[in-house]
C-alpha cells in the first residue's frame, strides 16, 4: 500500500513537472503584448505588397510572430554580429534567449535556422528570410531596390524560381540601424498582425481596403511612364546598349560577365544601367541570355580574372555573380 502511494506521488509529481515545463515553454514562445512595429517597417511592408500588386500578385498578410522574429534577428545582427567567418547573415549569436546558429555550417535535417519562428513564437511553420545590410542606417527605398535587383531576393518577393507555385500567407519585417530583414511563411499566423508603435492596436488592421486605391494610383503612373518611353524610343535605345562587355568575346569562346542586377522590368534595368554609367562604370552593359536581360558591370574572357574581379565587386554588391555566356 505504501509502495502504491509512493508510485502515485511520483506519477503526480512527474505529471506536474512535465505540465509546468510545458507551460513555461509555451509562455516563452508568446510574443509580448507590448510588441509593435515601427512606421518605417510598416512602410517597407506596404512597398513589398505594392510591388507584388503591379504584377497581379496577392498581398501577403503581415504577421506578428514573423515580425517579432525579424526584430530579434536584426538587433542580434547589429549588437552581436553572428555573421562572422563561415557564418553568414542568417546566423544567430549565443547572446539571446534562442539557440545559437551558424548558417550554413549548422544546417541539417534535424536542425534548421528556418525553425526560429517555431522556437521563438507560436508560429508552427518554417519561416524563410532575406537580409539587407549597408554601412549607414538603412533607407527603405534602397532596401526594396536592392531586393528587386537580385534574382535570389526577388524570387521571394515575386514567388518565382524556387518559390514559384508557393503562396506566402505571412510576412514579417525588421529594421534596426543598418540591418533589415523580411521573413516569409506559407501558413497564416494565429497571432494575426502586429500594431504600429504609437497607435492603438485596433487601428492597425491590415490596409486591404487601401490596396485597390494604391492600384489605381499605379495605373496612371504606368501610362505616364509609357508616354515618356514610347516603343519607338525603346527601339532606338536598344542598339545603343551593346550586349558585350569590355571587349567582344571571340566566337566560340566562353565569356564571363559579373552580374549586379538580375531580371527586372526593362525600364528599371535601363535606369539602373544609366545610374551605373553616371558613376563611372563605363563597361556596364545589358546582357541577354535565354530571353532574360541582366545588368553586367564588367566581363572577362578568362574565368580566373573574372573570379578575382568578382571578389572586389562583392564588396559593393554582395550578391554579384558570374554569368557564363
C-alpha atoms as a PDB file:
ATOM      1  CA  UNK A   1       0.000   0.000   0.000  1.00  0.00           C
ATOM      2  CA  UNK A   2       2.843   2.339   0.895  1.00  0.00           C
ATOM      3  CA  UNK A   3       4.584   1.475  -2.366  1.00  0.00           C
ATOM      4  CA  UNK A   4       1.396   2.269  -4.297  1.00  0.00           C
ATOM      5  CA  UNK A   5       1.142   5.667  -2.585  1.00  0.00           C
ATOM      6  CA  UNK A   6       4.770   6.428  -3.413  1.00  0.00           C
ATOM      7  CA  UNK A   7       4.209   5.465  -7.059  1.00  0.00           C
ATOM      8  CA  UNK A   8       1.079   7.617  -7.155  1.00  0.00           C
ATOM      9  CA  UNK A   9       3.016  10.592  -5.729  1.00  0.00           C
ATOM     10  CA  UNK A  10       5.838  10.053  -8.235  1.00  0.00           C
ATOM     11  CA  UNK A  11       3.409   9.893 -11.150  1.00  0.00           C
ATOM     12  CA  UNK A  12       1.666  13.054  -9.939  1.00  0.00           C
ATOM     13  CA  UNK A  13       4.973  14.895  -9.483  1.00  0.00           C
ATOM     14  CA  UNK A  14       6.231  13.810 -12.892  1.00  0.00           C
ATOM     15  CA  UNK A  15       2.966  14.877 -14.492  1.00  0.00           C
ATOM     16  CA  UNK A  16       3.065  18.221 -12.691  1.00  0.00           C
ATOM     17  CA  UNK A  17       6.710  18.830 -13.652  1.00  0.00           C
ATOM     18  CA  UNK A  18       6.012  17.992 -17.316  1.00  0.00           C
ATOM     19  CA  UNK A  19       2.914  20.177 -17.334  1.00  0.00           C
ATOM     20  CA  UNK A  20       4.779  23.027 -15.635  1.00  0.00           C
ATOM     21  CA  UNK A  21       7.713  22.736 -18.052  1.00  0.00           C
ATOM     22  CA  UNK A  22       5.327  22.728 -20.995  1.00  0.00           C
ATOM     23  CA  UNK A  23       3.538  25.819 -19.659  1.00  0.00           C
ATOM     24  CA  UNK A  24       6.893  27.562 -19.176  1.00  0.00           C
ATOM     25  CA  UNK A  25       7.948  26.667 -22.723  1.00  0.00           C
ATOM     26  CA  UNK A  26       4.652  27.884 -24.188  1.00  0.00           C
ATOM     27  CA  UNK A  27       4.879  31.108 -22.185  1.00  0.00           C
ATOM     28  CA  UNK A  28       8.387  31.681 -23.528  1.00  0.00           C
ATOM     29  CA  UNK A  29       7.055  31.371 -27.062  1.00  0.00           C
ATOM     30  CA  UNK A  30       4.386  34.020 -26.650  1.00  0.00           C
ATOM     31  CA  UNK A  31       5.028  37.286 -28.460  1.00  0.00           C
ATOM     32  CA  UNK A  32       4.914  40.087 -25.853  1.00  0.00           C
ATOM     33  CA  UNK A  33       1.633  42.014 -25.812  1.00  0.00           C
ATOM     34  CA  UNK A  34       3.630  45.237 -25.974  1.00  0.00           C
ATOM     35  CA  UNK A  35       5.411  44.236 -29.197  1.00  0.00           C
ATOM     36  CA  UNK A  36       4.841  46.645 -32.088  1.00  0.00           C
ATOM     37  CA  UNK A  37       6.466  47.561 -35.384  1.00  0.00           C
ATOM     38  CA  UNK A  38       7.752  50.957 -36.440  1.00  0.00           C
ATOM     39  CA  UNK A  39       6.103  53.107 -39.083  1.00  0.00           C
ATOM     40  CA  UNK A  40       9.157  52.542 -41.310  1.00  0.00           C
ATOM     41  CA  UNK A  41       8.796  48.767 -41.037  1.00  0.00           C
ATOM     42  CA  UNK A  42       5.127  49.118 -41.905  1.00  0.00           C
ATOM     43  CA  UNK A  43       6.026  51.307 -44.891  1.00  0.00           C
ATOM     44  CA  UNK A  44       8.503  48.710 -46.197  1.00  0.00           C
ATOM     45  CA  UNK A  45       5.787  46.062 -45.830  1.00  0.00           C
ATOM     46  CA  UNK A  46       3.425  48.164 -47.949  1.00  0.00           C
ATOM     47  CA  UNK A  47       6.138  48.738 -50.559  1.00  0.00           C
ATOM     48  CA  UNK A  48       6.611  44.977 -50.941  1.00  0.00           C
ATOM     49  CA  UNK A  49       2.884  44.453 -51.460  1.00  0.00           C
ATOM     50  CA  UNK A  50       2.684  47.396 -53.876  1.00  0.00           C
ATOM     51  CA  UNK A  51       5.494  45.823 -55.912  1.00  0.00           C
ATOM     52  CA  UNK A  52       3.667  42.475 -55.953  1.00  0.00           C
ATOM     53  CA  UNK A  53       0.426  44.145 -56.919  1.00  0.00           C
ATOM     54  CA  UNK A  54       1.969  45.601 -60.083  1.00  0.00           C
ATOM     55  CA  UNK A  55       2.382  42.017 -61.260  1.00  0.00           C
ATOM     56  CA  UNK A  56      -1.086  40.885 -60.124  1.00  0.00           C
ATOM     57  CA  UNK A  57       0.218  39.001 -57.097  1.00  0.00           C
ATOM     58  CA  UNK A  58      -1.916  38.967 -53.927  1.00  0.00           C
ATOM     59  CA  UNK A  59      -0.824  40.915 -50.821  1.00  0.00           C
ATOM     60  CA  UNK A  60       0.948  38.981 -48.071  1.00  0.00           C
ATOM     61  CA  UNK A  61      -0.689  39.318 -44.627  1.00  0.00           C
ATOM     62  CA  UNK A  62       1.546  40.930 -42.021  1.00  0.00           C
ATOM     63  CA  UNK A  63       2.473  38.506 -39.228  1.00  0.00           C
ATOM     64  CA  UNK A  64       3.018  39.476 -35.598  1.00  0.00           C
ATOM     65  CA  UNK A  65       5.107  36.346 -34.970  1.00  0.00           C
ATOM     66  CA  UNK A  66       7.356  36.767 -38.001  1.00  0.00           C
ATOM     67  CA  UNK A  67       7.770  40.498 -37.291  1.00  0.00           C
ATOM     68  CA  UNK A  68       8.924  39.564 -33.784  1.00  0.00           C
ATOM     69  CA  UNK A  69      11.455  37.062 -35.169  1.00  0.00           C
ATOM     70  CA  UNK A  70      12.651  39.662 -37.692  1.00  0.00           C
ATOM     71  CA  UNK A  71      13.012  42.277 -34.942  1.00  0.00           C
ATOM     72  CA  UNK A  72      15.015  39.908 -32.725  1.00  0.00           C
ATOM     73  CA  UNK A  73      17.295  38.965 -35.601  1.00  0.00           C
ATOM     74  CA  UNK A  74      18.214  42.449 -36.890  1.00  0.00           C
ATOM     75  CA  UNK A  75      19.040  43.513 -33.327  1.00  0.00           C
ATOM     76  CA  UNK A  76      21.139  40.389 -32.787  1.00  0.00           C
ATOM     77  CA  UNK A  77      22.989  41.077 -36.053  1.00  0.00           C
ATOM     78  CA  UNK A  78      23.639  44.690 -35.085  1.00  0.00           C
ATOM     79  CA  UNK A  79      24.675  44.186 -31.450  1.00  0.00           C
ATOM     80  CA  UNK A  80      26.391  40.774 -31.535  1.00  0.00           C
ATOM     81  CA  UNK A  81      27.447  40.205 -35.183  1.00  0.00           C
ATOM     82  CA  UNK A  82      26.985  36.434 -35.504  1.00  0.00           C
ATOM     83  CA  UNK A  83      27.705  36.849 -39.243  1.00  0.00           C
ATOM     84  CA  UNK A  84      31.445  36.291 -38.884  1.00  0.00           C
ATOM     85  CA  UNK A  85      33.822  33.828 -40.529  1.00  0.00           C
ATOM     86  CA  UNK A  86      31.933  30.960 -42.144  1.00  0.00           C
ATOM     87  CA  UNK A  87      28.640  32.161 -40.614  1.00  0.00           C
ATOM     88  CA  UNK A  88      26.523  34.386 -42.866  1.00  0.00           C
ATOM     89  CA  UNK A  89      23.791  36.914 -42.074  1.00  0.00           C
ATOM     90  CA  UNK A  90      21.177  34.198 -41.413  1.00  0.00           C
ATOM     91  CA  UNK A  91      23.143  33.205 -38.289  1.00  0.00           C
ATOM     92  CA  UNK A  92      22.165  33.836 -34.650  1.00  0.00           C
ATOM     93  CA  UNK A  93      24.527  34.583 -31.751  1.00  0.00           C
ATOM     94  CA  UNK A  94      24.702  32.927 -28.316  1.00  0.00           C
ATOM     95  CA  UNK A  95      23.665  36.194 -26.639  1.00  0.00           C
ATOM     96  CA  UNK A  96      19.885  35.770 -26.535  1.00  0.00           C
ATOM     97  CA  UNK A  97      17.002  33.540 -25.455  1.00  0.00           C
ATOM     98  CA  UNK A  98      17.407  31.392 -28.567  1.00  0.00           C
ATOM     99  CA  UNK A  99      19.662  28.585 -29.690  1.00  0.00           C
ATOM    100  CA  UNK A 100      22.822  29.916 -31.368  1.00  0.00           C
ATOM    101  CA  UNK A 101      23.099  29.001 -35.027  1.00  0.00           C
ATOM    102  CA  UNK A 102      25.855  29.378 -37.624  1.00  0.00           C
ATOM    103  CA  UNK A 103      24.337  29.238 -41.092  1.00  0.00           C
ATOM    104  CA  UNK A 104      25.030  27.258 -43.237  1.00  0.00           C
ATOM    105  CA  UNK A 105      27.510  25.271 -41.100  1.00  0.00           C
ATOM    106  CA  UNK A 106      24.899  24.079 -38.554  1.00  0.00           C
ATOM    107  CA  UNK A 107      22.185  23.403 -41.100  1.00  0.00           C
ATOM    108  CA  UNK A 108      20.933  19.810 -41.294  1.00  0.00           C
ATOM    109  CA  UNK A 109      17.653  17.921 -41.439  1.00  0.00           C
ATOM    110  CA  UNK A 110      17.218  17.907 -37.649  1.00  0.00           C
ATOM    111  CA  UNK A 111      18.387  21.432 -37.011  1.00  0.00           C
ATOM    112  CA  UNK A 112      17.279  24.278 -39.273  1.00  0.00           C
ATOM    113  CA  UNK A 113      17.669  28.015 -38.911  1.00  0.00           C
ATOM    114  CA  UNK A 114      14.274  28.305 -40.604  1.00  0.00           C
ATOM    115  CA  UNK A 115      12.705  26.860 -37.422  1.00  0.00           C
ATOM    116  CA  UNK A 116      13.400  30.083 -35.484  1.00  0.00           C
ATOM    117  CA  UNK A 117       9.719  31.149 -35.701  1.00  0.00           C
ATOM    118  CA  UNK A 118       8.749  27.853 -34.011  1.00  0.00           C
ATOM    119  CA  UNK A 119      11.422  28.366 -31.382  1.00  0.00           C
ATOM    120  CA  UNK A 120      10.515  31.954 -30.510  1.00  0.00           C
ATOM    121  CA  UNK A 121       6.780  32.296 -31.255  1.00  0.00           C
ATOM    122  CA  UNK A 122       3.523  30.320 -31.574  1.00  0.00           C
ATOM    123  CA  UNK A 123       4.031  30.204 -35.366  1.00  0.00           C
ATOM    124  CA  UNK A 124       4.199  26.484 -36.179  1.00  0.00           C
ATOM    125  CA  UNK A 125       5.661  26.520 -39.710  1.00  0.00           C
ATOM    126  CA  UNK A 126       9.097  27.270 -41.084  1.00  0.00           C
ATOM    127  CA  UNK A 127       9.992  30.842 -41.965  1.00  0.00           C
ATOM    128  CA  UNK A 128      12.393  31.900 -44.724  1.00  0.00           C
ATOM    129  CA  UNK A 129      14.471  35.057 -44.526  1.00  0.00           C
ATOM    130  CA  UNK A 130      16.091  37.640 -46.763  1.00  0.00           C
ATOM    131  CA  UNK A 131      18.556  40.131 -45.257  1.00  0.00           C
ATOM    132  CA  UNK A 132      19.926  43.564 -46.172  1.00  0.00           C
ATOM    133  CA  UNK A 133      22.915  45.473 -44.792  1.00  0.00           C
ATOM    134  CA  UNK A 134      24.622  48.760 -45.593  1.00  0.00           C
ATOM    135  CA  UNK A 135      27.271  50.937 -43.980  1.00  0.00           C
ATOM    136  CA  UNK A 136      24.866  53.594 -42.717  1.00  0.00           C
ATOM    137  CA  UNK A 137      21.354  53.465 -41.302  1.00  0.00           C
ATOM    138  CA  UNK A 138      19.142  51.706 -43.816  1.00  0.00           C
ATOM    139  CA  UNK A 139      16.924  53.635 -46.221  1.00  0.00           C
ATOM    140  CA  UNK A 140      13.847  51.635 -47.191  1.00  0.00           C
ATOM    141  CA  UNK A 141      13.946  52.811 -50.822  1.00  0.00           C
ATOM    142  CA  UNK A 142      17.415  51.284 -51.088  1.00  0.00           C
ATOM    143  CA  UNK A 143      16.273  48.057 -49.433  1.00  0.00           C
ATOM    144  CA  UNK A 144      13.396  47.376 -51.819  1.00  0.00           C
ATOM    145  CA  UNK A 145      15.505  48.422 -54.833  1.00  0.00           C
ATOM    146  CA  UNK A 146      18.287  46.031 -53.821  1.00  0.00           C
ATOM    147  CA  UNK A 147      15.948  43.105 -53.143  1.00  0.00           C
ATOM    148  CA  UNK A 148      14.257  43.659 -56.510  1.00  0.00           C
ATOM    149  CA  UNK A 149      17.598  43.813 -58.320  1.00  0.00           C
ATOM    150  CA  UNK A 150      18.887  40.372 -57.275  1.00  0.00           C
ATOM    151  CA  UNK A 151      17.305  37.155 -58.554  1.00  0.00           C
ATOM    152  CA  UNK A 152      17.649  35.383 -55.187  1.00  0.00           C
ATOM    153  CA  UNK A 153      15.856  38.091 -53.181  1.00  0.00           C
ATOM    154  CA  UNK A 154      13.381  38.923 -55.928  1.00  0.00           C
ATOM    155  CA  UNK A 155      12.249  35.279 -56.043  1.00  0.00           C
ATOM    156  CA  UNK A 156      10.883  35.710 -52.503  1.00  0.00           C
ATOM    157  CA  UNK A 157       9.107  38.957 -53.316  1.00  0.00           C
ATOM    158  CA  UNK A 158       7.590  37.657 -56.557  1.00  0.00           C
ATOM    159  CA  UNK A 159       7.167  33.912 -55.859  1.00  0.00           C
ATOM    160  CA  UNK A 160       9.476  32.981 -58.721  1.00  0.00           C
ATOM    161  CA  UNK A 161      12.299  30.443 -59.074  1.00  0.00           C
ATOM    162  CA  UNK A 162      12.355  28.080 -56.089  1.00  0.00           C
ATOM    163  CA  UNK A 163       9.209  29.713 -54.691  1.00  0.00           C
ATOM    164  CA  UNK A 164       7.122  29.559 -57.864  1.00  0.00           C
ATOM    165  CA  UNK A 165       3.757  27.990 -57.130  1.00  0.00           C
ATOM    166  CA  UNK A 166       4.090  28.708 -53.386  1.00  0.00           C
ATOM    167  CA  UNK A 167       1.808  31.102 -51.566  1.00  0.00           C
ATOM    168  CA  UNK A 168       3.024  33.334 -48.772  1.00  0.00           C
ATOM    169  CA  UNK A 169       0.398  33.661 -46.046  1.00  0.00           C
ATOM    170  CA  UNK A 170       2.606  35.539 -43.579  1.00  0.00           C
ATOM    171  CA  UNK A 171       5.437  38.062 -43.704  1.00  0.00           C
ATOM    172  CA  UNK A 172       7.491  39.761 -41.010  1.00  0.00           C
ATOM    173  CA  UNK A 173       9.618  42.907 -41.359  1.00  0.00           C
ATOM    174  CA  UNK A 174      12.504  44.007 -39.142  1.00  0.00           C
ATOM    175  CA  UNK A 175      14.681  47.163 -39.310  1.00  0.00           C
ATOM    176  CA  UNK A 176      17.425  48.218 -36.910  1.00  0.00           C
ATOM    177  CA  UNK A 177      20.233  50.662 -37.649  1.00  0.00           C
ATOM    178  CA  UNK A 178      21.993  49.308 -40.772  1.00  0.00           C
ATOM    179  CA  UNK A 179      20.248  45.918 -40.944  1.00  0.00           C
ATOM    180  CA  UNK A 180      16.906  44.891 -42.417  1.00  0.00           C
ATOM    181  CA  UNK A 181      15.245  41.544 -42.954  1.00  0.00           C
ATOM    182  CA  UNK A 182      11.972  40.012 -44.093  1.00  0.00           C
ATOM    183  CA  UNK A 183      10.641  36.593 -43.066  1.00  0.00           C
ATOM    184  CA  UNK A 184       8.165  34.674 -45.244  1.00  0.00           C
ATOM    185  CA  UNK A 185       5.870  31.810 -44.222  1.00  0.00           C
ATOM    186  CA  UNK A 186       3.376  29.589 -46.021  1.00  0.00           C
ATOM    187  CA  UNK A 187       0.947  29.248 -43.090  1.00  0.00           C
ATOM    188  CA  UNK A 188      -1.217  32.047 -41.644  1.00  0.00           C
ATOM    189  CA  UNK A 189      -0.111  33.417 -38.275  1.00  0.00           C
ATOM    190  CA  UNK A 190      -2.533  32.522 -35.430  1.00  0.00           C
ATOM    191  CA  UNK A 191      -1.354  35.703 -33.685  1.00  0.00           C
ATOM    192  CA  UNK A 192      -2.598  37.875 -36.536  1.00  0.00           C
ATOM    193  CA  UNK A 193      -0.813  41.121 -37.377  1.00  0.00           C
ATOM    194  CA  UNK A 194       1.115  43.486 -35.088  1.00  0.00           C
ATOM    195  CA  UNK A 195       0.142  47.049 -34.331  1.00  0.00           C
ATOM    196  CA  UNK A 196       2.216  50.088 -35.193  1.00  0.00           C
ATOM    197  CA  UNK A 197       4.149  51.645 -32.329  1.00  0.00           C
ATOM    198  CA  UNK A 198       2.339  54.694 -31.006  1.00  0.00           C
ATOM    199  CA  UNK A 199      -1.052  53.598 -32.324  1.00  0.00           C
ATOM    200  CA  UNK A 200      -3.871  51.713 -30.680  1.00  0.00           C
ATOM    201  CA  UNK A 201      -3.963  48.013 -31.590  1.00  0.00           C
ATOM    202  CA  UNK A 202      -7.471  48.254 -33.060  1.00  0.00           C
ATOM    203  CA  UNK A 203      -6.247  50.896 -35.510  1.00  0.00           C
ATOM    204  CA  UNK A 204      -3.677  48.614 -37.142  1.00  0.00           C
ATOM    205  CA  UNK A 205      -5.936  46.395 -39.217  1.00  0.00           C
ATOM    206  CA  UNK A 206      -4.120  45.487 -42.439  1.00  0.00           C
ATOM    207  CA  UNK A 207      -4.933  48.088 -45.090  1.00  0.00           C
ATOM    208  CA  UNK A 208      -6.532  45.635 -47.506  1.00  0.00           C
ATOM    209  CA  UNK A 209      -9.182  48.223 -48.396  1.00  0.00           C
ATOM    210  CA  UNK A 210      -6.448  50.696 -49.285  1.00  0.00           C
ATOM    211  CA  UNK A 211      -4.808  48.446 -51.825  1.00  0.00           C
ATOM    212  CA  UNK A 212      -7.287  48.992 -54.659  1.00  0.00           C
ATOM    213  CA  UNK A 213      -6.672  52.717 -54.227  1.00  0.00           C
ATOM    214  CA  UNK A 214      -2.931  52.080 -54.469  1.00  0.00           C
ATOM    215  CA  UNK A 215      -3.507  50.053 -57.604  1.00  0.00           C
ATOM    216  CA  UNK A 216      -5.471  52.920 -59.135  1.00  0.00           C
ATOM    217  CA  UNK A 217      -2.568  55.260 -58.437  1.00  0.00           C
ATOM    218  CA  UNK A 218      -0.151  52.906 -60.143  1.00  0.00           C
ATOM    219  CA  UNK A 219      -2.109  52.746 -63.396  1.00  0.00           C
ATOM    220  CA  UNK A 220      -1.730  56.409 -64.378  1.00  0.00           C
ATOM    221  CA  UNK A 221       1.938  56.263 -63.347  1.00  0.00           C
ATOM    222  CA  UNK A 222       2.437  53.352 -65.711  1.00  0.00           C
ATOM    223  CA  UNK A 223       0.708  55.209 -68.566  1.00  0.00           C
ATOM    224  CA  UNK A 224       2.762  58.299 -67.876  1.00  0.00           C
ATOM    225  CA  UNK A 225       5.940  56.216 -67.986  1.00  0.00           C
ATOM    226  CA  UNK A 226       4.853  54.684 -71.277  1.00  0.00           C
ATOM    227  CA  UNK A 227       4.366  58.168 -72.719  1.00  0.00           C
ATOM    228  CA  UNK A 228       7.896  59.076 -71.702  1.00  0.00           C
ATOM    229  CA  UNK A 229       9.311  55.884 -73.216  1.00  0.00           C
ATOM    230  CA  UNK A 230       7.266  55.149 -76.380  1.00  0.00           C
ATOM    231  CA  UNK A 231       8.030  51.965 -78.278  1.00  0.00           C
ATOM    232  CA  UNK A 232       9.796  53.936 -80.999  1.00  0.00           C
ATOM    233  CA  UNK A 233      12.208  55.370 -78.451  1.00  0.00           C
ATOM    234  CA  UNK A 234      12.911  51.929 -76.998  1.00  0.00           C
ATOM    235  CA  UNK A 235      13.822  50.611 -80.434  1.00  0.00           C
ATOM    236  CA  UNK A 236      16.318  53.443 -80.887  1.00  0.00           C
ATOM    237  CA  UNK A 237      17.835  52.870 -77.467  1.00  0.00           C
ATOM    238  CA  UNK A 238      18.482  49.135 -77.837  1.00  0.00           C
ATOM    239  CA  UNK A 239      21.274  49.375 -80.433  1.00  0.00           C
ATOM    240  CA  UNK A 240      22.996  51.895 -78.154  1.00  0.00           C
ATOM    241  CA  UNK A 241      23.181  49.239 -75.415  1.00  0.00           C
ATOM    242  CA  UNK A 242      25.727  46.643 -76.612  1.00  0.00           C
ATOM    243  CA  UNK A 243      25.387  43.241 -75.011  1.00  0.00           C
ATOM    244  CA  UNK A 244      29.081  42.503 -74.662  1.00  0.00           C
ATOM    245  CA  UNK A 245      31.398  43.878 -72.026  1.00  0.00           C
ATOM    246  CA  UNK A 246      34.964  45.211 -72.142  1.00  0.00           C
ATOM    247  CA  UNK A 247      35.829  43.542 -75.440  1.00  0.00           C
ATOM    248  CA  UNK A 248      33.971  41.419 -77.938  1.00  0.00           C
ATOM    249  CA  UNK A 249      34.299  37.750 -76.945  1.00  0.00           C
ATOM    250  CA  UNK A 250      35.981  35.583 -79.533  1.00  0.00           C
ATOM    251  CA  UNK A 251      33.480  33.453 -81.402  1.00  0.00           C
ATOM    252  CA  UNK A 252      33.195  30.004 -79.850  1.00  0.00           C
ATOM    253  CA  UNK A 253      34.983  31.065 -76.651  1.00  0.00           C
ATOM    254  CA  UNK A 254      33.436  31.348 -73.192  1.00  0.00           C
ATOM    255  CA  UNK A 255      32.977  34.799 -71.683  1.00  0.00           C
ATOM    256  CA  UNK A 256      32.254  35.627 -68.047  1.00  0.00           C
ATOM    257  CA  UNK A 257      30.092  38.578 -67.017  1.00  0.00           C
ATOM    258  CA  UNK A 258      29.756  39.950 -63.483  1.00  0.00           C
ATOM    259  CA  UNK A 259      26.028  40.466 -62.913  1.00  0.00           C
ATOM    260  CA  UNK A 260      24.974  43.103 -60.370  1.00  0.00           C
ATOM    261  CA  UNK A 261      21.268  43.346 -61.183  1.00  0.00           C
ATOM    262  CA  UNK A 262      19.043  40.406 -62.007  1.00  0.00           C
ATOM    263  CA  UNK A 263      15.916  40.008 -64.091  1.00  0.00           C
ATOM    264  CA  UNK A 264      13.600  43.033 -63.786  1.00  0.00           C
ATOM    265  CA  UNK A 265      11.350  45.198 -65.992  1.00  0.00           C
ATOM    266  CA  UNK A 266      13.361  46.669 -68.892  1.00  0.00           C
ATOM    267  CA  UNK A 267      12.818  50.291 -67.881  1.00  0.00           C
ATOM    268  CA  UNK A 268      14.123  49.501 -64.410  1.00  0.00           C
ATOM    269  CA  UNK A 269      17.221  47.847 -65.880  1.00  0.00           C
ATOM    270  CA  UNK A 270      17.816  50.876 -68.130  1.00  0.00           C
ATOM    271  CA  UNK A 271      17.561  53.259 -65.168  1.00  0.00           C
ATOM    272  CA  UNK A 272      19.976  51.127 -63.142  1.00  0.00           C
ATOM    273  CA  UNK A 273      22.400  50.980 -66.084  1.00  0.00           C
ATOM    274  CA  UNK A 274      22.224  54.748 -66.575  1.00  0.00           C
ATOM    275  CA  UNK A 275      22.982  55.262 -62.894  1.00  0.00           C
ATOM    276  CA  UNK A 276      25.998  52.931 -63.085  1.00  0.00           C
ATOM    277  CA  UNK A 277      27.427  54.790 -66.051  1.00  0.00           C
ATOM    278  CA  UNK A 278      26.897  58.146 -64.367  1.00  0.00           C
ATOM    279  CA  UNK A 279      29.087  56.816 -61.533  1.00  0.00           C
ATOM    280  CA  UNK A 280      31.893  55.934 -63.951  1.00  0.00           C
ATOM    281  CA  UNK A 281      31.183  52.263 -64.689  1.00  0.00           C
ATOM    282  CA  UNK A 282      31.622  52.694 -68.434  1.00  0.00           C
ATOM    283  CA  UNK A 283      31.899  48.934 -69.113  1.00  0.00           C
ATOM    284  CA  UNK A 284      28.458  48.192 -67.672  1.00  0.00           C
ATOM    285  CA  UNK A 285      26.138  46.552 -70.195  1.00  0.00           C
ATOM    286  CA  UNK A 286      22.820  44.780 -70.601  1.00  0.00           C
ATOM    287  CA  UNK A 287      23.423  41.065 -71.085  1.00  0.00           C
ATOM    288  CA  UNK A 288      20.739  38.831 -72.581  1.00  0.00           C
ATOM    289  CA  UNK A 289      20.620  35.071 -72.096  1.00  0.00           C
ATOM    290  CA  UNK A 290      17.700  32.676 -72.561  1.00  0.00           C
ATOM    291  CA  UNK A 291      15.430  35.618 -73.307  1.00  0.00           C
ATOM    292  CA  UNK A 292      16.237  37.361 -69.998  1.00  0.00           C
ATOM    293  CA  UNK A 293      18.181  40.584 -69.551  1.00  0.00           C
ATOM    294  CA  UNK A 294      20.509  41.409 -66.677  1.00  0.00           C
ATOM    295  CA  UNK A 295      22.983  44.206 -65.918  1.00  0.00           C
ATOM    296  CA  UNK A 296      26.689  43.351 -66.042  1.00  0.00           C
ATOM    297  CA  UNK A 297      29.251  45.715 -64.595  1.00  0.00           C
ATOM    298  CA  UNK A 298      32.210  44.115 -66.412  1.00  0.00           C
ATOM    299  CA  UNK A 299      33.186  40.955 -68.271  1.00  0.00           C
ATOM    300  CA  UNK A 300      36.259  38.819 -68.997  1.00  0.00           C
ATOM    301  CA  UNK A 301      37.269  36.022 -71.392  1.00  0.00           C
ATOM    302  CA  UNK A 302      39.310  34.453 -68.580  1.00  0.00           C
ATOM    303  CA  UNK A 303      37.491  32.918 -65.575  1.00  0.00           C
ATOM    304  CA  UNK A 304      40.353  33.432 -63.132  1.00  0.00           C
ATOM    305  CA  UNK A 305      40.335  37.167 -63.885  1.00  0.00           C
ATOM    306  CA  UNK A 306      36.547  37.222 -63.599  1.00  0.00           C
ATOM    307  CA  UNK A 307      36.717  35.464 -60.195  1.00  0.00           C
ATOM    308  CA  UNK A 308      39.296  37.939 -58.947  1.00  0.00           C
ATOM    309  CA  UNK A 309      37.210  40.913 -60.100  1.00  0.00           C
ATOM    310  CA  UNK A 310      34.057  39.375 -58.618  1.00  0.00           C
ATOM    311  CA  UNK A 311      35.629  39.324 -55.148  1.00  0.00           C
ATOM    312  CA  UNK A 312      36.169  43.077 -55.395  1.00  0.00           C
ATOM    313  CA  UNK A 313      32.705  43.777 -56.818  1.00  0.00           C
ATOM    314  CA  UNK A 314      31.092  41.826 -53.954  1.00  0.00           C
ATOM    315  CA  UNK A 315      32.396  44.438 -51.539  1.00  0.00           C
ATOM    316  CA  UNK A 316      29.794  46.777 -53.023  1.00  0.00           C
ATOM    317  CA  UNK A 317      27.239  44.344 -54.492  1.00  0.00           C
ATOM    318  CA  UNK A 318      27.304  41.423 -52.078  1.00  0.00           C
ATOM    319  CA  UNK A 319      25.141  39.206 -54.280  1.00  0.00           C
ATOM    320  CA  UNK A 320      27.008  39.808 -57.539  1.00  0.00           C
ATOM    321  CA  UNK A 321      27.576  36.625 -59.509  1.00  0.00           C
ATOM    322  CA  UNK A 322      29.159  35.299 -62.719  1.00  0.00           C
ATOM    323  CA  UNK A 323      27.168  34.590 -65.854  1.00  0.00           C
ATOM    324  CA  UNK A 324      28.922  32.389 -68.410  1.00  0.00           C
ATOM    325  CA  UNK A 325      27.959  33.262 -71.983  1.00  0.00           C
END
